[in-house]
Amino acid sequence: MMYKFMTLEDSTEIVHSDTYYENNIETVKVYFEKPVYGGFHSAECYLPSYEWKNINGFSSEEIKYLHEFLQSVAHIVIRLAREGGFDNAANF
């Protein structure tokens, strides 16, 4: 399941998965999608490794910005992923 995290000022939507284990490492998929004329730009980043995959349309500068932003909020995203998103999170 994917949970909405936030919408950035440029309309980029950020959603995240539940936590899951891959190679015995707790992992969270973070998905970015930005509406543009004729479709969307999109990208995936996997925490805690910060491995980027399936980057479509975002420039390297945009990915750098998203990477830095994600680093600043990753601890929140991981906690929310463990608890089932904002709607199920305790004490937020």
PDB file of N, CA and C in Angstrom:
ATOM      1  N   MET A   1       0.847  -1.179   0.000  1.00  0.00           N
ATOM      2  CA  MET A   1       0.000   0.000   0.000  1.00  0.00           C
ATOM      3  C   MET A   1       0.889   1.237   0.000  1.00  0.00           C
ATOM      4  N   MET A   2       0.413   2.289  -0.658  1.00  0.00           N
ATOM      5  CA  MET A   2       1.140   3.552  -0.691  1.00  0.00           C
ATOM      6  C   MET A   2       0.353   4.592   0.093  1.00  0.00           C
ATOM      7  N   TYR A   3       1.091   5.443   0.824  1.00  0.00           N
ATOM      8  CA  TYR A   3       0.493   6.466   1.667  1.00  0.00           C
ATOM      9  C   TYR A   3       0.991   7.844   1.238  1.00  0.00           C
ATOM     10  N   LYS A   4       0.084   8.800   1.183  1.00  0.00           N
ATOM     11  CA  LYS A   4       0.480  10.161   0.839  1.00  0.00           C
ATOM     12  C   LYS A   4       1.326  10.750   1.963  1.00  0.00           C
ATOM     13  N   PHE A   5       2.453  11.360   1.588  1.00  0.00           N
ATOM     14  CA  PHE A   5       3.296  12.037   2.557  1.00  0.00           C
ATOM     15  C   PHE A   5       3.088  13.544   2.466  1.00  0.00           C
ATOM     16  N   MET A   6       3.294  14.104   1.280  1.00  0.00           N
ATOM     17  CA  MET A   6       3.080  15.543   1.122  1.00  0.00           C
ATOM     18  C   MET A   6       3.115  15.939  -0.348  1.00  0.00           C
ATOM     19  N   THR A   7       2.715  17.193  -0.593  1.00  0.00           N
ATOM     20  CA  THR A   7       2.795  17.795  -1.919  1.00  0.00           C
ATOM     21  C   THR A   7       3.717  18.996  -1.816  1.00  0.00           C
ATOM     22  N   LEU A   8       4.723  19.040  -2.673  1.00  0.00           N
ATOM     23  CA  LEU A   8       5.659  20.159  -2.682  1.00  0.00           C
ATOM     24  C   LEU A   8       5.053  21.354  -3.414  1.00  0.00           C
ATOM     25  N   GLU A   9       5.688  22.493  -3.276  1.00  0.00           N
ATOM     26  CA  GLU A   9       5.202  23.736  -3.869  1.00  0.00           C
ATOM     27  C   GLU A   9       5.029  23.652  -5.392  1.00  0.00           C
ATOM     28  N   ASP A  10       5.849  22.831  -6.056  1.00  0.00           N
ATOM     29  CA  ASP A  10       5.759  22.694  -7.515  1.00  0.00           C
ATOM     30  C   ASP A  10       4.775  21.607  -7.941  1.00  0.00           C
ATOM     31  N   SER A  11       3.939  21.148  -7.018  1.00  0.00           N
ATOM     32  CA  SER A  11       2.906  20.120  -7.233  1.00  0.00           C
ATOM     33  C   SER A  11       3.443  18.696  -7.275  1.00  0.00           C
ATOM     34  N   THR A  12       4.713  18.496  -6.935  1.00  0.00           N
ATOM     35  CA  THR A  12       5.253  17.144  -6.849  1.00  0.00           C
ATOM     36  C   THR A  12       4.616  16.437  -5.657  1.00  0.00           C
ATOM     37  N   GLU A  13       3.991  15.295  -5.927  1.00  0.00           N
ATOM     38  CA  GLU A  13       3.386  14.472  -4.875  1.00  0.00           C
ATOM     39  C   GLU A  13       4.425  13.466  -4.392  1.00  0.00           C
ATOM     40  N   ILE A  14       4.459  13.274  -3.075  1.00  0.00           N
ATOM     41  CA  ILE A  14       5.365  12.299  -2.483  1.00  0.00           C
ATOM     42  C   ILE A  14       4.527  11.295  -1.711  1.00  0.00           C
ATOM     43  N   VAL A  15       4.689  10.023  -2.060  1.00  0.00           N
ATOM     44  CA  VAL A  15       4.004   8.947  -1.351  1.00  0.00           C
ATOM     45  C   VAL A  15       5.036   7.911  -0.939  1.00  0.00           C
ATOM     46  N   HIS A  16       4.683   7.071   0.020  1.00  0.00           N
ATOM     47  CA  HIS A  16       5.615   6.044   0.482  1.00  0.00           C
ATOM     48  C   HIS A  16       4.872   4.740   0.746  1.00  0.00           C
ATOM     49  N   SER A  17       5.617   3.671   0.731  1.00  0.00           N
ATOM     50  CA  SER A  17       5.075   2.344   0.997  1.00  0.00           C
ATOM     51  C   SER A  17       5.093   2.057   2.497  1.00  0.00           C
ATOM     52  N   ASP A  18       4.535   0.909   2.851  1.00  0.00           N
ATOM     53  CA  ASP A  18       4.783   0.337   4.171  1.00  0.00           C
ATOM     54  C   ASP A  18       6.245  -0.097   4.196  1.00  0.00           C
ATOM     55  N   THR A  19       6.769  -0.385   5.375  1.00  0.00           N
ATOM     56  CA  THR A  19       8.102  -0.974   5.422  1.00  0.00           C
ATOM     57  C   THR A  19       8.001  -2.434   4.974  1.00  0.00           C
ATOM     58  N   TYR A  20       9.056  -2.903   4.366  1.00  0.00           N
ATOM     59  CA  TYR A  20       9.160  -4.315   3.991  1.00  0.00           C
ATOM     60  C   TYR A  20      10.626  -4.695   4.071  1.00  0.00           C
ATOM     61  N   TYR A  21      10.901  -5.977   4.076  1.00  0.00           N
ATOM     62  CA  TYR A  21      12.288  -6.424   4.195  1.00  0.00           C
ATOM     63  C   TYR A  21      12.789  -6.944   2.865  1.00  0.00           C
ATOM     64  N   GLU A  22      13.948  -6.420   2.474  1.00  0.00           N
ATOM     65  CA  GLU A  22      14.636  -6.853   1.268  1.00  0.00           C
ATOM     66  C   GLU A  22      16.071  -7.159   1.661  1.00  0.00           C
ATOM     67  N   ASN A  23      16.489  -8.394   1.490  1.00  0.00           N
ATOM     68  CA  ASN A  23      17.822  -8.830   1.915  1.00  0.00           C
ATOM     69  C   ASN A  23      18.050  -8.531   3.400  1.00  0.00           C
ATOM     70  N   ASN A  24      17.027  -8.791   4.215  1.00  0.00           N
ATOM     71  CA  ASN A  24      17.065  -8.576   5.662  1.00  0.00           C
ATOM     72  C   ASN A  24      17.279  -7.126   6.071  1.00  0.00           C
ATOM     73  N   ILE A  25      16.947  -6.187   5.202  1.00  0.00           N
ATOM     74  CA  ILE A  25      17.066  -4.760   5.503  1.00  0.00           C
ATOM     75  C   ILE A  25      15.672  -4.144   5.414  1.00  0.00           C
ATOM     76  N   GLU A  26      15.261  -3.449   6.474  1.00  0.00           N
ATOM     77  CA  GLU A  26      13.982  -2.752   6.451  1.00  0.00           C
ATOM     78  C   GLU A  26      14.048  -1.668   5.370  1.00  0.00           C
ATOM     79  N   THR A  27      13.089  -1.682   4.446  1.00  0.00           N
ATOM     80  CA  THR A  27      13.116  -0.821   3.270  1.00  0.00           C
ATOM     81  C   THR A  27      11.789  -0.088   3.119  1.00  0.00           C
ATOM     82  N   VAL A  28      11.854   1.124   2.591  1.00  0.00           N
ATOM     83  CA  VAL A  28      10.657   1.908   2.263  1.00  0.00           C
ATOM     84  C   VAL A  28      10.838   2.465   0.860  1.00  0.00           C
ATOM     85  N   LYS A  29       9.842   2.257   0.029  1.00  0.00           N
ATOM     86  CA  LYS A  29       9.832   2.857  -1.315  1.00  0.00           C
ATOM     87  C   LYS A  29       9.182   4.231  -1.204  1.00  0.00           C
ATOM     88  N   VAL A  30       9.855   5.249  -1.726  1.00  0.00           N
ATOM     89  CA  VAL A  30       9.305   6.601  -1.780  1.00  0.00           C
ATOM     90  C   VAL A  30       9.135   6.945  -3.259  1.00  0.00           C
ATOM     91  N   TYR A  31       7.936   7.357  -3.621  1.00  0.00           N
ATOM     92  CA  TYR A  31       7.602   7.620  -5.014  1.00  0.00           C
ATOM     93  C   TYR A  31       7.276   9.105  -5.190  1.00  0.00           C
ATOM     94  N   PHE A  32       7.852   9.691  -6.215  1.00  0.00           N
ATOM     95  CA  PHE A  32       7.659  11.109  -6.536  1.00  0.00           C
ATOM     96  C   PHE A  32       6.961  11.199  -7.890  1.00  0.00           C
ATOM     97  N   GLU A  33       5.953  12.066  -7.971  1.00  0.00           N
ATOM     98  CA  GLU A  33       5.244  12.258  -9.226  1.00  0.00           C
ATOM     99  C   GLU A  33       4.858  13.727  -9.367  1.00  0.00           C
ATOM    100  N   LYS A  34       5.243  14.302 -10.502  1.00  0.00           N
ATOM    101  CA  LYS A  34       4.975  15.723 -10.754  1.00  0.00           C
ATOM    102  C   LYS A  34       4.174  15.848 -12.046  1.00  0.00           C
ATOM    103  N   PRO A  35       2.990  16.480 -11.986  1.00  0.00           N
ATOM    104  CA  PRO A  35       2.215  16.656 -13.216  1.00  0.00           C
ATOM    105  C   PRO A  35       2.888  17.678 -14.143  1.00  0.00           C
ATOM    106  N   VAL A  36       2.967  17.329 -15.401  1.00  0.00           N
ATOM    107  CA  VAL A  36       3.503  18.221 -16.433  1.00  0.00           C
ATOM    108  C   VAL A  36       2.585  18.111 -17.646  1.00  0.00           C
ATOM    109  N   TYR A  37       2.710  19.060 -18.543  1.00  0.00           N
ATOM    110  CA  TYR A  37       1.883  19.027 -19.746  1.00  0.00           C
ATOM    111  C   TYR A  37       2.060  17.681 -20.457  1.00  0.00           C
ATOM    112  N   GLY A  38       0.973  16.985 -20.645  1.00  0.00           N
ATOM    113  CA  GLY A  38       1.017  15.716 -21.367  1.00  0.00           C
ATOM    114  C   GLY A  38       1.344  14.503 -20.517  1.00  0.00           C
ATOM    115  N   GLY A  39       1.430  14.658 -19.201  1.00  0.00           N
ATOM    116  CA  GLY A  39       1.732  13.482 -18.376  1.00  0.00           C
ATOM    117  C   GLY A  39       2.332  13.812 -17.032  1.00  0.00           C
ATOM    118  N   PHE A  40       3.321  13.026 -16.652  1.00  0.00           N
ATOM    119  CA  PHE A  40       3.945  13.156 -15.340  1.00  0.00           C
ATOM    120  C   PHE A  40       5.436  12.893 -15.433  1.00  0.00           C
ATOM    121  N   HIS A  41       6.186  13.544 -14.549  1.00  0.00           N
ATOM    122  CA  HIS A  41       7.563  13.133 -14.267  1.00  0.00           C
ATOM    123  C   HIS A  41       7.458  12.246 -13.031  1.00  0.00           C
ATOM    124  N   SER A  42       8.306  11.230 -12.951  1.00  0.00           N
ATOM    125  CA  SER A  42       8.229  10.318 -11.816  1.00  0.00           C
ATOM    126  C   SER A  42       9.595   9.756 -11.479  1.00  0.00           C
ATOM    127  N   ALA A  43       9.715   9.303 -10.240  1.00  0.00           N
ATOM    128  CA  ALA A  43      10.959   8.672  -9.783  1.00  0.00           C
ATOM    129  C   ALA A  43      10.662   7.902  -8.505  1.00  0.00           C
ATOM    130  N   GLU A  44      11.495   6.910  -8.233  1.00  0.00           N
ATOM    131  CA  GLU A  44      11.413   6.121  -7.005  1.00  0.00           C
ATOM    132  C   GLU A  44      12.737   6.215  -6.278  1.00  0.00           C
ATOM    133  N   CYS A  45      12.671   6.276  -4.953  1.00  0.00           N
ATOM    134  CA  CYS A  45      13.874   6.218  -4.135  1.00  0.00           C
ATOM    135  C   CYS A  45      13.608   5.245  -3.001  1.00  0.00           C
ATOM    136  N   TYR A  46      14.585   4.407  -2.708  1.00  0.00           N
ATOM    137  CA  TYR A  46      14.428   3.377  -1.684  1.00  0.00           C
ATOM    138  C   TYR A  46      15.282   3.725  -0.471  1.00  0.00           C
ATOM    139  N   LEU A  47      14.613   3.766   0.685  1.00  0.00           N
ATOM    140  CA  LEU A  47      15.302   4.037   1.946  1.00  0.00           C
ATOM    141  C   LEU A  47      15.568   2.718   2.642  1.00  0.00           C
ATOM    142  N   PRO A  48      16.650   2.577   3.358  1.00  0.00           N
ATOM    143  CA  PRO A  48      17.608   3.597   3.756  1.00  0.00           C
ATOM    144  C   PRO A  48      18.800   3.761   2.814  1.00  0.00           C
ATOM    145  N   SER A  49      18.820   3.045   1.695  1.00  0.00           N
ATOM    146  CA  SER A  49      19.990   3.082   0.809  1.00  0.00           C
ATOM    147  C   SER A  49      20.029   4.320  -0.093  1.00  0.00           C
ATOM    148  N   TYR A  50      18.895   5.016  -0.230  1.00  0.00           N
ATOM    149  CA  TYR A  50      18.788   6.155  -1.150  1.00  0.00           C
ATOM    150  C   TYR A  50      19.108   5.750  -2.582  1.00  0.00           C
ATOM    151  N   GLU A  51      18.690   4.559  -2.955  1.00  0.00           N
ATOM    152  CA  GLU A  51      18.870   4.076  -4.322  1.00  0.00           C
ATOM    153  C   GLU A  51      17.718   4.601  -5.185  1.00  0.00           C
ATOM    154  N   TRP A  52      18.058   5.341  -6.235  1.00  0.00           N
ATOM    155  CA  TRP A  52      17.065   5.906  -7.139  1.00  0.00           C
ATOM    156  C   TRP A  52      16.846   4.971  -8.317  1.00  0.00           C
ATOM    157  N   LYS A  53      15.581   4.793  -8.696  1.00  0.00           N
ATOM    158  CA  LYS A  53      15.221   3.938  -9.828  1.00  0.00           C
ATOM    159  C   LYS A  53      14.104   4.593 -10.626  1.00  0.00           C
ATOM    160  N   ASN A  54      13.963   4.162 -11.855  1.00  0.00           N
ATOM    161  CA  ASN A  54      12.837   4.553 -12.707  1.00  0.00           C
ATOM    162  C   ASN A  54      12.620   6.068 -12.744  1.00  0.00           C
ATOM    163  N   ILE A  55      13.696   6.803 -12.983  1.00  0.00           N
ATOM    164  CA  ILE A  55      13.609   8.260 -13.084  1.00  0.00           C
ATOM    165  C   ILE A  55      13.144   8.613 -14.495  1.00  0.00           C
ATOM    166  N   ASN A  56      11.988   9.263 -14.567  1.00  0.00           N
ATOM    167  CA  ASN A  56      11.410   9.626 -15.865  1.00  0.00           C
ATOM    168  C   ASN A  56      11.036  11.096 -15.861  1.00  0.00           C
ATOM    169  N   GLY A  57      11.784  11.913 -16.618  1.00  0.00           N
ATOM    170  CA  GLY A  57      11.440  13.309 -16.807  1.00  0.00           C
ATOM    171  C   GLY A  57      12.103  14.289 -15.864  1.00  0.00           C
ATOM    172  N   PHE A  58      12.448  13.866 -14.655  1.00  0.00           N
ATOM    173  CA  PHE A  58      13.111  14.768 -13.715  1.00  0.00           C
ATOM    174  C   PHE A  58      14.545  15.025 -14.164  1.00  0.00           C
ATOM    175  N   SER A  59      14.990  16.269 -14.072  1.00  0.00           N
ATOM    176  CA  SER A  59      16.381  16.604 -14.410  1.00  0.00           C
ATOM    177  C   SER A  59      17.290  16.166 -13.271  1.00  0.00           C
ATOM    178  N   SER A  60      18.590  16.145 -13.528  1.00  0.00           N
ATOM    179  CA  SER A  60      19.544  15.786 -12.470  1.00  0.00           C
ATOM    180  C   SER A  60      19.495  16.805 -11.332  1.00  0.00           C
ATOM    181  N   GLU A  61      19.241  18.079 -11.652  1.00  0.00           N
ATOM    182  CA  GLU A  61      19.104  19.100 -10.599  1.00  0.00           C
ATOM    183  C   GLU A  61      17.874  18.846  -9.740  1.00  0.00           C
ATOM    184  N   GLU A  62      16.772  18.462 -10.382  1.00  0.00           N
ATOM    185  CA  GLU A  62      15.553  18.154  -9.623  1.00  0.00           C
ATOM    186  C   GLU A  62      15.762  16.943  -8.718  1.00  0.00           C
ATOM    187  N   ILE A  63      16.444  15.928  -9.237  1.00  0.00           N
ATOM    188  CA  ILE A  63      16.709  14.739  -8.417  1.00  0.00           C
ATOM    189  C   ILE A  63      17.625  15.095  -7.256  1.00  0.00           C
ATOM    190  N   LYS A  64      18.602  15.938  -7.489  1.00  0.00           N
ATOM    191  CA  LYS A  64      19.475  16.380  -6.402  1.00  0.00           C
ATOM    192  C   LYS A  64      18.657  17.074  -5.316  1.00  0.00           C
ATOM    193  N   TYR A  65      17.752  17.968  -5.712  1.00  0.00           N
ATOM    194  CA  TYR A  65      16.889  18.653  -4.748  1.00  0.00           C
ATOM    195  C   TYR A  65      16.021  17.647  -3.989  1.00  0.00           C
ATOM    196  N   LEU A  66      15.388  16.721  -4.720  1.00  0.00           N
ATOM    197  CA  LEU A  66      14.529  15.725  -4.071  1.00  0.00           C
ATOM    198  C   LEU A  66      15.328  14.839  -3.125  1.00  0.00           C
ATOM    199  N   HIS A  67      16.543  14.502  -3.520  1.00  0.00           N
ATOM    200  CA  HIS A  67      17.422  13.683  -2.676  1.00  0.00           C
ATOM    201  C   HIS A  67      17.733  14.413  -1.365  1.00  0.00           C
ATOM    202  N   GLU A  68      18.121  15.668  -1.471  1.00  0.00           N
ATOM    203  CA  GLU A  68      18.439  16.452  -0.267  1.00  0.00           C
ATOM    204  C   GLU A  68      17.203  16.636   0.611  1.00  0.00           C
ATOM    205  N   PHE A  69      16.063  16.879  -0.016  1.00  0.00           N
ATOM    206  CA  PHE A  69      14.828  17.007   0.739  1.00  0.00           C
ATOM    207  C   PHE A  69      14.520  15.704   1.462  1.00  0.00           C
ATOM    208  N   LEU A  70      14.612  14.589   0.742  1.00  0.00           N
ATOM    209  CA  LEU A  70      14.308  13.290   1.340  1.00  0.00           C
ATOM    210  C   LEU A  70      15.244  12.973   2.491  1.00  0.00           C
ATOM    211  N   GLN A  71      16.518  13.325   2.362  1.00  0.00           N
ATOM    212  CA  GLN A  71      17.445  13.106   3.473  1.00  0.00           C
ATOM    213  C   GLN A  71      16.987  13.844   4.726  1.00  0.00           C
ATOM    214  N   SER A  72      16.391  15.012   4.565  1.00  0.00           N
ATOM    215  CA  SER A  72      15.980  15.803   5.732  1.00  0.00           C
ATOM    216  C   SER A  72      14.713  15.267   6.400  1.00  0.00           C
ATOM    217  N   VAL A  73      13.931  14.461   5.698  1.00  0.00           N
ATOM    218  CA  VAL A  73      12.680  13.951   6.262  1.00  0.00           C
ATOM    219  C   VAL A  73      12.609  12.423   6.305  1.00  0.00           C
ATOM    220  N   ALA A  74      13.685  11.744   5.945  1.00  0.00           N
ATOM    221  CA  ALA A  74      13.662  10.274   5.858  1.00  0.00           C
ATOM    222  C   ALA A  74      13.250   9.621   7.173  1.00  0.00           C
ATOM    223  N   HIS A  75      13.708  10.165   8.291  1.00  0.00           N
ATOM    224  CA  HIS A  75      13.357   9.576   9.586  1.00  0.00           C
ATOM    225  C   HIS A  75      11.849   9.630   9.814  1.00  0.00           C
ATOM    226  N   ILE A  76      11.185  10.672   9.330  1.00  0.00           N
ATOM    227  CA  ILE A  76       9.734  10.785   9.456  1.00  0.00           C
ATOM    228  C   ILE A  76       9.052   9.787   8.518  1.00  0.00           C
ATOM    229  N   VAL A  77       9.523   9.708   7.281  1.00  0.00           N
ATOM    230  CA  VAL A  77       8.943   8.789   6.300  1.00  0.00           C
ATOM    231  C   VAL A  77       9.043   7.355   6.810  1.00  0.00           C
ATOM    232  N   ILE A  78      10.189   6.971   7.331  1.00  0.00           N
ATOM    233  CA  ILE A  78      10.369   5.603   7.824  1.00  0.00           C
ATOM    234  C   ILE A  78       9.427   5.330   8.995  1.00  0.00           C
ATOM    235  N   ARG A  79       9.314   6.278   9.903  1.00  0.00           N
ATOM    236  CA  ARG A  79       8.406   6.091  11.044  1.00  0.00           C
ATOM    237  C   ARG A  79       6.966   5.943  10.562  1.00  0.00           C
ATOM    238  N   LEU A  80       6.550   6.815   9.644  1.00  0.00           N
ATOM    239  CA  LEU A  80       5.190   6.718   9.114  1.00  0.00           C
ATOM    240  C   LEU A  80       4.964   5.398   8.373  1.00  0.00           C
ATOM    241  N   ALA A  81       5.964   4.939   7.648  1.00  0.00           N
ATOM    242  CA  ALA A  81       5.851   3.670   6.924  1.00  0.00           C
ATOM    243  C   ALA A  81       5.653   2.508   7.893  1.00  0.00           C
ATOM    244  N   ARG A  82       6.287   2.581   9.037  1.00  0.00           N
ATOM    245  CA  ARG A  82       6.116   1.541  10.062  1.00  0.00           C
ATOM    246  C   ARG A  82       4.719   1.563  10.669  1.00  0.00           C
ATOM    247  N   GLU A  83       4.102   2.750  10.694  1.00  0.00           N
ATOM    248  CA  GLU A  83       2.832   2.916  11.389  1.00  0.00           C
ATOM    249  C   GLU A  83       1.625   2.990  10.455  1.00  0.00           C
ATOM    250  N   GLY A  84       1.840   2.875   9.152  1.00  0.00           N
ATOM    251  CA  GLY A  84       0.718   2.886   8.224  1.00  0.00           C
ATOM    252  C   GLY A  84       0.282   4.257   7.767  1.00  0.00           C
ATOM    253  N   GLY A  85       1.223   5.184   7.622  1.00  0.00           N
ATOM    254  CA  GLY A  85       0.918   6.511   7.108  1.00  0.00           C
ATOM    255  C   GLY A  85       0.419   7.465   8.175  1.00  0.00           C
ATOM    256  N   PHE A  86       0.207   8.721   7.763  1.00  0.00           N
ATOM    257  CA  PHE A  86      -0.239   9.774   8.687  1.00  0.00           C
ATOM    258  C   PHE A  86      -1.513   9.406   9.430  1.00  0.00           C
ATOM    259  N   ASP A  87      -2.472   8.834   8.723  1.00  0.00           N
ATOM    260  CA  ASP A  87      -3.765   8.561   9.340  1.00  0.00           C
ATOM    261  C   ASP A  87      -3.689   7.563  10.489  1.00  0.00           C
ATOM    262  N   ASN A  88      -2.692   6.703  10.480  1.00  0.00           N
ATOM    263  CA  ASN A  88      -2.559   5.696  11.530  1.00  0.00           C
ATOM    264  C   ASN A  88      -1.425   5.982  12.504  1.00  0.00           C
ATOM    265  N   ALA A  89      -0.657   7.018  12.257  1.00  0.00           N
ATOM    266  CA  ALA A  89       0.512   7.311  13.089  1.00  0.00           C
ATOM    267  C   ALA A  89       0.097   7.834  14.465  1.00  0.00           C
ATOM    268  N   ALA A  90       0.793   7.364  15.463  1.00  0.00           N
ATOM    269  CA  ALA A  90       0.546   7.821  16.835  1.00  0.00           C
ATOM    270  C   ALA A  90       1.439   9.024  17.142  1.00  0.00           C
ATOM    271  N   ASN A  91       0.898  10.005  17.844  1.00  0.00           N
ATOM    272  CA  ASN A  91       1.661  11.148  18.353  1.00  0.00           C
ATOM    273  C   ASN A  91       2.297  12.010  17.279  1.00  0.00           C
ATOM    274  N   PHE A  92       1.647  12.156  16.145  1.00  0.00           N
ATOM    275  CA  PHE A  92       2.157  13.083  15.120  1.00  0.00           C
ATOM    276  C   PHE A  92       1.320  14.309  15.132  1.00  0.00           C
TER     277      PHE A  92
END
